[in-house]
C-alpha atoms as a PDB file:
ATOM      1  CA  MET A   1       0.000   0.000   0.000  1.00  0.00           C
ATOM      2  CA  GLU A   2       1.283   3.462  -0.903  1.00  0.00           C
ATOM      3  CA  LEU A   3      -0.112   6.708   0.437  1.00  0.00           C
ATOM      4  CA  ASN A   4       0.848  10.173  -0.833  1.00  0.00           C
ATOM      5  CA  TYR A   5      -1.029  13.059   0.732  1.00  0.00           C
ATOM      6  CA  GLY A   6      -0.539  16.825   0.540  1.00  0.00           C
ATOM      7  CA  ILE A   7      -0.353  17.904   4.171  1.00  0.00           C
ATOM      8  CA  LEU A   8       0.719  21.529   3.536  1.00  0.00           C
ATOM      9  CA  HIS A   9       1.366  23.768   0.532  1.00  0.00           C
ATOM     10  CA  ASP A  10       4.256  22.242  -1.497  1.00  0.00           C
ATOM     11  CA  THR A  11       4.566  19.440   1.094  1.00  0.00           C
ATOM     12  CA  GLN A  12       3.552  15.804   0.625  1.00  0.00           C
ATOM     13  CA  PHE A  13       3.546  12.982   3.185  1.00  0.00           C
ATOM     14  CA  HIS A  14       4.619   9.613   1.747  1.00  0.00           C
ATOM     15  CA  LEU A  15       4.110   6.092   3.146  1.00  0.00           C
ATOM     16  CA  ILE A  16       4.721   2.676   1.587  1.00  0.00           C
ATOM     17  CA  ALA A  17       3.607  -0.483   3.414  1.00  0.00           C
ATOM     18  CA  PRO A  18       4.996  -3.172   1.066  1.00  0.00           C
ATOM     19  CA  MET A  19       4.713  -6.862   0.524  1.00  0.00           C
ATOM     20  CA  ALA A  20       8.180  -8.238  -0.275  1.00  0.00           C
ATOM     21  CA  TYR A  21       9.402 -11.323  -2.120  1.00  0.00           C
ATOM     22  CA  ASP A  22      12.912 -12.752  -2.066  1.00  0.00           C
ATOM     23  CA  ALA A  23      14.022 -15.657  -4.255  1.00  0.00           C
ATOM     24  CA  PRO A  24      17.780 -16.078  -3.816  1.00  0.00           C
ATOM     25  CA  ARG A  25      19.501 -18.563  -6.079  1.00  0.00           C
ATOM     26  CA  GLY A  26      20.027 -21.895  -4.348  1.00  0.00           C
ATOM     27  CA  SER A  27      17.775 -21.047  -1.372  1.00  0.00           C
ATOM     28  CA  ALA A  28      14.094 -21.090  -0.492  1.00  0.00           C
ATOM     29  CA  SER A  29      11.977 -18.121  -1.532  1.00  0.00           C
ATOM     30  CA  HIS A  30      10.103 -15.967   1.011  1.00  0.00           C
ATOM     31  CA  PHE A  31       7.078 -13.682   0.850  1.00  0.00           C
ATOM     32  CA  GLY A  32       5.841 -11.288   3.530  1.00  0.00           C
ATOM     33  CA  TYR A  33       5.725  -7.760   4.840  1.00  0.00           C
ATOM     34  CA  GLY A  34       8.798  -5.670   3.908  1.00  0.00           C
ATOM     35  CA  ASP A  35      10.438  -2.548   5.334  1.00  0.00           C
ATOM     36  CA  THR A  36       8.036   0.407   5.737  1.00  0.00           C
ATOM     37  CA  GLU A  37       9.016   3.589   3.865  1.00  0.00           C
ATOM     38  CA  ILE A  38       8.109   7.015   5.288  1.00  0.00           C
ATOM     39  CA  GLY A  39       9.047  10.365   3.754  1.00  0.00           C
ATOM     40  CA  ILE A  40       8.255  14.024   3.247  1.00  0.00           C
ATOM     41  CA  LYS A  41       8.510  15.626  -0.196  1.00  0.00           C
ATOM     42  CA  TYR A  42       8.974  19.392  -0.246  1.00  0.00           C
ATOM     43  CA  ARG A  43       9.086  21.571  -3.373  1.00  0.00           C
ATOM     44  CA  LEU A  44      11.781  24.230  -3.028  1.00  0.00           C
ATOM     45  CA  VAL A  45      11.415  25.825  -6.491  1.00  0.00           C
ATOM     46  CA  HIS A  46       8.323  25.899  -8.736  1.00  0.00           C
ATOM     47  CA  GLU A  47       8.733  25.063 -12.422  1.00  0.00           C
ATOM     48  CA  THR A  48       8.928  27.994 -14.847  1.00  0.00           C
ATOM     49  CA  ASP A  49       9.461  28.156 -18.607  1.00  0.00           C
ATOM     50  CA  GLY A  50      13.212  28.134 -18.026  1.00  0.00           C
ATOM     51  CA  LEU A  51      13.629  26.225 -14.753  1.00  0.00           C
ATOM     52  CA  PRO A  52      12.586  22.776 -13.565  1.00  0.00           C
ATOM     53  CA  ALA A  53      10.747  22.229 -10.312  1.00  0.00           C
ATOM     54  CA  ILE A  54      13.265  21.366  -7.594  1.00  0.00           C
ATOM     55  CA  GLY A  55      12.478  19.474  -4.426  1.00  0.00           C
ATOM     56  CA  ILE A  56      13.838  17.373  -1.619  1.00  0.00           C
ATOM     57  CA  PHE A  57      12.373  14.040  -0.556  1.00  0.00           C
ATOM     58  CA  PRO A  58      14.069  12.635   2.571  1.00  0.00           C
ATOM     59  CA  LEU A  59      12.966   9.075   3.406  1.00  0.00           C
ATOM     60  CA  VAL A  60      13.437   6.557   6.177  1.00  0.00           C
ATOM     61  CA  GLU A  61      12.956   2.842   5.655  1.00  0.00           C
ATOM     62  CA  VAL A  62      11.793   1.449   8.988  1.00  0.00           C
ATOM     63  CA  PRO A  63      13.028  -2.141   9.576  1.00  0.00           C
ATOM     64  CA  THR A  64       9.662  -3.911   9.687  1.00  0.00           C
ATOM     65  CA  GLY A  65      10.535  -6.742   7.248  1.00  0.00           C
ATOM     66  CA  ASN A  66      12.060 -10.035   8.382  1.00  0.00           C
ATOM     67  CA  GLN A  67      15.804  -9.693   7.745  1.00  0.00           C
ATOM     68  CA  ASN A  68      16.406 -13.435   8.185  1.00  0.00           C
ATOM     69  CA  LYS A  69      14.069 -14.161   5.249  1.00  0.00           C
ATOM     70  CA  GLY A  70      15.526 -11.423   3.002  1.00  0.00           C
ATOM     71  CA  LEU A  71      12.398  -9.252   3.371  1.00  0.00           C
ATOM     72  CA  GLY A  72      14.084  -6.354   5.164  1.00  0.00           C
ATOM     73  CA  ASN A  73      17.392  -4.740   6.076  1.00  0.00           C
ATOM     74  CA  GLY A  74      17.194  -5.209   9.851  1.00  0.00           C
ATOM     75  CA  GLN A  75      18.106  -1.569  10.557  1.00  0.00           C
ATOM     76  CA  ALA A  76      16.642   1.793   9.581  1.00  0.00           C
ATOM     77  CA  GLN A  77      17.958   3.237   6.306  1.00  0.00           C
ATOM     78  CA  TYR A  78      17.839   6.908   5.273  1.00  0.00           C
ATOM     79  CA  PHE A  79      17.735   8.533   1.826  1.00  0.00           C
ATOM     80  CA  LEU A  80      18.610  12.207   1.295  1.00  0.00           C
ATOM     81  CA  PRO A  81      17.806  13.119  -2.352  1.00  0.00           C
ATOM     82  CA  LEU A  82      17.374  16.157  -4.552  1.00  0.00           C
ATOM     83  CA  TRP A  83      14.813  15.842  -7.404  1.00  0.00           C
ATOM     84  CA  LEU A  84      14.105  17.936 -10.503  1.00  0.00           C
ATOM     85  CA  GLN A  85      11.072  17.833 -12.832  1.00  0.00           C
ATOM     86  CA  LYS A  86      10.283  19.563 -16.134  1.00  0.00           C
ATOM     87  CA  ASP A  87       7.202  19.282 -18.338  1.00  0.00           C
ATOM     88  CA  PHE A  88       7.233  19.722 -22.122  1.00  0.00           C
ATOM     89  CA  GLY A  89       3.608  19.528 -23.215  1.00  0.00           C
ATOM     90  CA  ARG A  90       2.508  15.902 -22.756  1.00  0.00           C
ATOM     91  CA  TRP A  91       6.099  14.814 -21.986  1.00  0.00           C
ATOM     92  CA  THR A  92       7.498  14.895 -18.450  1.00  0.00           C
ATOM     93  CA  THR A  93      11.011  14.177 -17.288  1.00  0.00           C
ATOM     94  CA  TYR A  94      12.147  13.982 -13.717  1.00  0.00           C
ATOM     95  CA  GLY A  95      15.043  12.579 -11.814  1.00  0.00           C
ATOM     96  CA  GLY A  96      17.912  13.366  -9.568  1.00  0.00           C
ATOM     97  CA  GLY A  97      19.777  11.518  -6.933  1.00  0.00           C
ATOM     98  CA  GLY A  98      20.902  11.321  -3.402  1.00  0.00           C
ATOM     99  CA  TYR A  99      22.777   9.563  -0.681  1.00  0.00           C
ATOM    100  CA  TRP A 100      21.559   6.426   1.123  1.00  0.00           C
ATOM    101  CA  ILE A 101      22.688   5.804   4.697  1.00  0.00           C
ATOM    102  CA  LYS A 102      22.575   2.014   5.084  1.00  0.00           C
ATOM    103  CA  PRO A 103      23.884   0.749   8.436  1.00  0.00           C
ATOM    104  CA  GLY A 104      24.345  -2.905   9.216  1.00  0.00           C
ATOM    105  CA  SER A 105      26.945  -5.609   9.052  1.00  0.00           C
ATOM    106  CA  GLY A 106      28.464  -5.810   5.572  1.00  0.00           C
ATOM    107  CA  ASN A 107      26.482  -2.809   4.325  1.00  0.00           C
ATOM    108  CA  LYS A 108      27.830   0.557   3.256  1.00  0.00           C
ATOM    109  CA  ASN A 109      26.361   3.948   2.411  1.00  0.00           C
ATOM    110  CA  TYR A 110      25.867   4.583  -1.296  1.00  0.00           C
ATOM    111  CA  TRP A 111      24.785   7.036  -4.006  1.00  0.00           C
ATOM    112  CA  PHE A 112      21.690   6.541  -6.178  1.00  0.00           C
ATOM    113  CA  SER A 113      20.593   8.511  -9.256  1.00  0.00           C
ATOM    114  CA  GLY A 114      18.019   8.085 -11.980  1.00  0.00           C
ATOM    115  CA  ILE A 115      16.002   9.817 -14.665  1.00  0.00           C
ATOM    116  CA  LEU A 116      12.546   9.117 -16.109  1.00  0.00           C
ATOM    117  CA  LEU A 117      10.767  10.164 -19.294  1.00  0.00           C
ATOM    118  CA  GLN A 118       7.008   9.664 -19.587  1.00  0.00           C
ATOM    119  CA  TYR A 119       4.239  10.518 -22.020  1.00  0.00           C
ATOM    120  CA  SER A 120       0.769  11.413 -20.711  1.00  0.00           C
ATOM    121  CA  PHE A 121      -2.162  10.382 -22.871  1.00  0.00           C
ATOM    122  CA  SER A 122      -4.467  11.874 -20.203  1.00  0.00           C
ATOM    123  CA  ASP A 123      -4.337  12.837 -16.513  1.00  0.00           C
ATOM    124  CA  THR A 124      -4.567   9.167 -15.558  1.00  0.00           C
ATOM    125  CA  PHE A 125      -3.028   7.260 -18.488  1.00  0.00           C
ATOM    126  CA  TYR A 126       0.690   7.474 -19.106  1.00  0.00           C
ATOM    127  CA  LEU A 127       3.634   5.352 -20.227  1.00  0.00           C
ATOM    128  CA  GLY A 128       7.259   5.877 -19.285  1.00  0.00           C
ATOM    129  CA  GLY A 129      10.722   4.525 -18.869  1.00  0.00           C
ATOM    130  CA  GLU A 130      13.574   5.172 -16.479  1.00  0.00           C
ATOM    131  CA  ILE A 131      17.241   4.373 -16.105  1.00  0.00           C
ATOM    132  CA  PHE A 132      19.123   4.377 -12.819  1.00  0.00           C
ATOM    133  CA  TYR A 133      22.590   3.929 -11.355  1.00  0.00           C
ATOM    134  CA  GLN A 134      23.810   3.215  -7.845  1.00  0.00           C
ATOM    135  CA  THR A 135      27.189   2.710  -6.269  1.00  0.00           C
ATOM    136  CA  ALA A 136      27.862  -0.478  -4.292  1.00  0.00           C
ATOM    137  CA  ASP A 137      25.745  -0.815  -1.140  1.00  0.00           C
ATOM    138  CA  THR A 138      27.712  -3.650   0.469  1.00  0.00           C
ATOM    139  CA  ALA A 139      31.359  -4.101   1.369  1.00  0.00           C
ATOM    140  CA  GLY A 140      33.000  -5.695  -1.668  1.00  0.00           C
ATOM    141  CA  GLY A 141      29.825  -5.158  -3.709  1.00  0.00           C
ATOM    142  CA  LEU A 142      29.563  -3.794  -7.231  1.00  0.00           C
ATOM    143  CA  ASP A 143      27.980  -0.675  -8.686  1.00  0.00           C
ATOM    144  CA  SER A 144      24.807  -1.396 -10.628  1.00  0.00           C
ATOM    145  CA  SER A 145      22.546   0.150 -13.233  1.00  0.00           C
ATOM    146  CA  GLY A 146      19.221  -0.817 -14.693  1.00  0.00           C
ATOM    147  CA  PHE A 147      16.003   0.247 -16.356  1.00  0.00           C
ATOM    148  CA  ASN A 148      12.260   0.066 -15.783  1.00  0.00           C
ATOM    149  CA  VAL A 149       9.267   0.651 -18.017  1.00  0.00           C
ATOM    150  CA  GLY A 150       5.890   1.420 -16.559  1.00  0.00           C
ATOM    151  CA  ALA A 151       2.373   2.650 -16.994  1.00  0.00           C
ATOM    152  CA  SER A 152      -0.627   4.066 -15.221  1.00  0.00           C
ATOM    153  CA  ILE A 153      -3.837   2.675 -16.681  1.00  0.00           C
ATOM    154  CA  PRO A 154      -7.222   4.180 -15.763  1.00  0.00           C
ATOM    155  CA  LEU A 155      -9.815   1.761 -14.411  1.00  0.00           C
ATOM    156  CA  VAL A 156     -13.210   2.691 -12.915  1.00  0.00           C
ATOM    157  CA  GLY A 157     -13.859   5.997 -11.182  1.00  0.00           C
ATOM    158  CA  ARG A 158     -10.736   7.362  -9.544  1.00  0.00           C
ATOM    159  CA  PHE A 159      -8.883   4.012  -9.598  1.00  0.00           C
ATOM    160  CA  GLN A 160      -5.783   3.317 -11.677  1.00  0.00           C
ATOM    161  CA  LEU A 161      -3.556   0.292 -12.167  1.00  0.00           C
ATOM    162  CA  LEU A 162       0.157   1.101 -11.761  1.00  0.00           C
ATOM    163  CA  LEU A 163       2.648  -1.242 -13.422  1.00  0.00           C
ATOM    164  CA  SER A 164       6.429  -1.249 -13.602  1.00  0.00           C
ATOM    165  CA  ALA A 165       8.970  -3.872 -14.646  1.00  0.00           C
ATOM    166  CA  GLY A 166      12.675  -3.781 -15.296  1.00  0.00           C
ATOM    167  CA  HIS A 167      16.035  -5.458 -15.271  1.00  0.00           C
ATOM    168  CA  GLY A 168      19.624  -4.714 -14.436  1.00  0.00           C
ATOM    169  CA  LEU A 169      22.029  -3.551 -17.120  1.00  0.00           C
ATOM    170  CA  THR A 170      25.172  -4.092 -15.042  1.00  0.00           C
ATOM    171  CA  ASN A 171      25.821  -6.360 -12.050  1.00  0.00           C
ATOM    172  CA  THR A 172      22.945  -8.509 -13.298  1.00  0.00           C
ATOM    173  CA  SER A 173      23.713 -11.416 -10.944  1.00  0.00           C
ATOM    174  CA  SER A 174      22.131  -9.436  -8.095  1.00  0.00           C
ATOM    175  CA  ASN A 175      20.150  -6.953 -10.184  1.00  0.00           C
ATOM    176  CA  ARG A 176      17.733  -9.300 -11.897  1.00  0.00           C
ATOM    177  CA  PHE A 177      14.146  -8.841 -13.045  1.00  0.00           C
ATOM    178  CA  SER A 178      11.901  -6.775 -10.766  1.00  0.00           C
ATOM    179  CA  PHE A 179       8.288  -5.654 -10.967  1.00  0.00           C
ATOM    180  CA  TYR A 180       5.747  -3.482  -9.174  1.00  0.00           C
ATOM    181  CA  ILE A 181       1.959  -3.728  -9.364  1.00  0.00           C
ATOM    182  CA  ALA A 182      -0.402  -1.455  -7.462  1.00  0.00           C
ATOM    183  CA  LEU A 183      -4.010  -0.372  -7.361  1.00  0.00           C
ATOM    184  CA  TYR A 184      -4.075   3.434  -7.054  1.00  0.00           C
ATOM    185  CA  ARG A 185      -6.957   5.646  -5.966  1.00  0.00           C
ATOM    186  CA  ALA A 186      -6.782   9.422  -6.282  1.00  0.00           C
ATOM    187  CA  PHE A 187      -8.557  11.461  -3.610  1.00  0.00           C
END
């Protein structure tokens, strides 16, 4: 479940209560509740003809998932990003990056960046793609990059189906296929 709610002008509260799945090679797979994500998005600069919108979006991932089953990190993680967004008619691009603080045995802090391009057919129907890059997040780990493609498809009333799927481009042994499916309701 994901909740995004405007609590003040230019300020959005963000919560993700996820189901997680881990299928490591050579071991049993696990499914269950993952780490809870909580954040506040704040727009610092409004978009103009010449400037993108600029915002910050600090997050904390609360260790609610079972670490022993690969469904969580076991310790709180923090993300401190800067995001930019610019619209060009029906096209939108946004992205940026930030620093993850990832405590825990064998873990290390790392950088993450990405950029997305999407086309809006309407307010509720759009298709897009993104690429991303992150430095190694474990001691002795490798940097990785990947891509996702996704869509928002209108259903009935204010409901939408959100879809995303992707794969790693580098470090593909640990950056395999991933997907996201959600039922979205606008308020």
